[in-house]
C-alpha atoms as a PDB file:
ATOM      1  CA  MET A   1      -9.506   6.126   7.519  1.00  0.00           C
ATOM      2  CA  ASN A   2     -11.183   4.072  10.192  1.00  0.00           C
ATOM      3  CA  GLN A   3      -8.781   1.195   9.848  1.00  0.00           C
ATOM      4  CA  ARG A   4      -5.079   1.728  10.526  1.00  0.00           C
ATOM      5  CA  TRP A   5      -2.646   0.876   7.750  1.00  0.00           C
ATOM      6  CA  GLU A   6      -0.797  -1.577  10.014  1.00  0.00           C
ATOM      7  CA  SER A   7      -3.516  -4.180   9.590  1.00  0.00           C
ATOM      8  CA  ARG A   8      -3.102  -4.173   5.789  1.00  0.00           C
ATOM      9  CA  ILE A   9       0.574  -3.387   5.190  1.00  0.00           C
ATOM     10  CA  GLU A  10       3.437  -5.746   5.920  1.00  0.00           C
ATOM     11  CA  LEU A  11       7.200  -5.312   5.870  1.00  0.00           C
ATOM     12  CA  ASN A  12       8.997  -8.624   5.591  1.00  0.00           C
ATOM     13  CA  PRO A  13      12.636  -8.934   4.499  1.00  0.00           C
ATOM     14  CA  LYS A  14      11.692 -12.171   2.692  1.00  0.00           C
ATOM     15  CA  ILE A  15       9.117 -10.402   0.489  1.00  0.00           C
ATOM     16  CA  LEU A  16      10.382  -7.958  -2.156  1.00  0.00           C
ATOM     17  CA  GLY A  17      13.497  -7.280  -0.112  1.00  0.00           C
ATOM     18  CA  GLY A  18      11.516  -5.800   2.760  1.00  0.00           C
ATOM     19  CA  LYS A  19       9.503  -3.276   0.751  1.00  0.00           C
ATOM     20  CA  PRO A  20       6.108  -2.509   2.272  1.00  0.00           C
ATOM     21  CA  VAL A  21       3.430  -4.614   0.562  1.00  0.00           C
ATOM     22  CA  ILE A  22      -0.258  -5.350   0.940  1.00  0.00           C
ATOM     23  CA  ARG A  23      -0.404  -8.143   3.518  1.00  0.00           C
ATOM     24  CA  GLY A  24      -0.524 -11.565   1.890  1.00  0.00           C
ATOM     25  CA  THR A  25       0.519 -10.241  -1.531  1.00  0.00           C
ATOM     26  CA  ARG A  26       3.584  -9.019  -3.371  1.00  0.00           C
ATOM     27  CA  ILE A  27       1.817  -5.779  -4.303  1.00  0.00           C
ATOM     28  CA  SER A  28       4.109  -2.992  -3.102  1.00  0.00           C
ATOM     29  CA  MET A  29       3.216   0.477  -1.891  1.00  0.00           C
ATOM     30  CA  ASP A  30       5.337   2.064  -4.626  1.00  0.00           C
ATOM     31  CA  LEU A  31       3.381   0.118  -7.264  1.00  0.00           C
ATOM     32  CA  ILE A  32       0.058   1.347  -5.891  1.00  0.00           C
ATOM     33  CA  LEU A  33       1.214   4.926  -5.354  1.00  0.00           C
ATOM     34  CA  GLY A  34       2.861   5.048  -8.768  1.00  0.00           C
ATOM     35  CA  SER A  35      -0.342   3.806 -10.372  1.00  0.00           C
ATOM     36  CA  LEU A  36      -2.344   6.506  -8.615  1.00  0.00           C
ATOM     37  CA  ALA A  37       0.201   9.147  -9.654  1.00  0.00           C
ATOM     38  CA  GLU A  38      -0.216   8.026 -13.267  1.00  0.00           C
ATOM     39  CA  GLY A  39      -3.949   8.663 -12.986  1.00  0.00           C
ATOM     40  CA  ILE A  40      -5.051   5.051 -12.823  1.00  0.00           C
ATOM     41  CA  SER A  41      -8.384   4.819 -11.012  1.00  0.00           C
ATOM     42  CA  TYR A  42      -9.068   2.907  -7.815  1.00  0.00           C
ATOM     43  CA  ASP A  43     -11.300   0.531  -9.779  1.00  0.00           C
ATOM     44  CA  GLU A  44      -8.571  -0.170 -12.359  1.00  0.00           C
ATOM     45  CA  ILE A  45      -5.980  -0.785  -9.634  1.00  0.00           C
ATOM     46  CA  LYS A  46      -8.346  -3.087  -7.728  1.00  0.00           C
ATOM     47  CA  SER A  47      -9.077  -5.057 -10.880  1.00  0.00           C
ATOM     48  CA  GLU A  48      -5.484  -5.221 -12.124  1.00  0.00           C
ATOM     49  CA  TYR A  49      -3.895  -6.273  -8.821  1.00  0.00           C
ATOM     50  CA  GLY A  50      -6.752  -8.085  -7.080  1.00  0.00           C
ATOM     51  CA  ILE A  51      -6.768  -5.802  -4.054  1.00  0.00           C
ATOM     52  CA  LYS A  52      -9.494  -3.918  -2.208  1.00  0.00           C
ATOM     53  CA  GLN A  53     -10.213  -0.223  -1.926  1.00  0.00           C
ATOM     54  CA  ASP A  54      -9.176  -0.370   1.741  1.00  0.00           C
ATOM     55  CA  ASP A  55      -5.764  -1.671   0.599  1.00  0.00           C
ATOM     56  CA  ILE A  56      -5.330   1.405  -1.598  1.00  0.00           C
ATOM     57  CA  ARG A  57      -6.357   3.651   1.274  1.00  0.00           C
ATOM     58  CA  ALA A  58      -3.898   1.851   3.531  1.00  0.00           C
ATOM     59  CA  ALA A  59      -1.127   2.535   0.989  1.00  0.00           C
ATOM     60  CA  LEU A  60      -2.005   6.222   1.064  1.00  0.00           C
ATOM     61  CA  ALA A  61      -2.123   6.243   4.867  1.00  0.00           C
ATOM     62  CA  TYR A  62       1.248   4.475   4.996  1.00  0.00           C
ATOM     63  CA  ALA A  63       2.784   7.046   2.642  1.00  0.00           C
ATOM     64  CA  SER A  64       1.324   9.870   4.696  1.00  0.00           C
ATOM     65  CA  ALA A  65       2.728   8.402   7.913  1.00  0.00           C
ATOM     66  CA  ALA A  66       6.142   7.872   6.330  1.00  0.00           C
ATOM     67  CA  LEU A  67       6.284  11.443   5.033  1.00  0.00           C
ATOM     68  CA  SER A  68       5.139  12.930   8.340  1.00  0.00           C
ATOM     69  CA  GLY A  69       8.024  11.257  10.132  1.00  0.00           C
ATOM     70  CA  GLU A  70       5.960   8.661  11.971  1.00  0.00           C
ATOM     71  CA  GLU A  71       7.553   5.298  12.730  1.00  0.00           C
ATOM     72  CA  VAL A  72       6.477   3.048   9.857  1.00  0.00           C
ATOM     73  CA  ALA A  73       8.761   0.048  10.221  1.00  0.00           C
END
């Protein structure tokens, strides 16, 4: 991914209790990742939640960083 997830993901204690979300939305990483795990396509997710493909990629990059032990907060 050319663009780092930090530019698209925000953690704010005032939004969804501090869950990571797409910047400027209340669309959480767990919602996006859960949708992908259920087999929902990128196009369906983009349409349903009004986000961009780069937002979905940022969610995946964030999850990867979190699981690899990188600092994500």
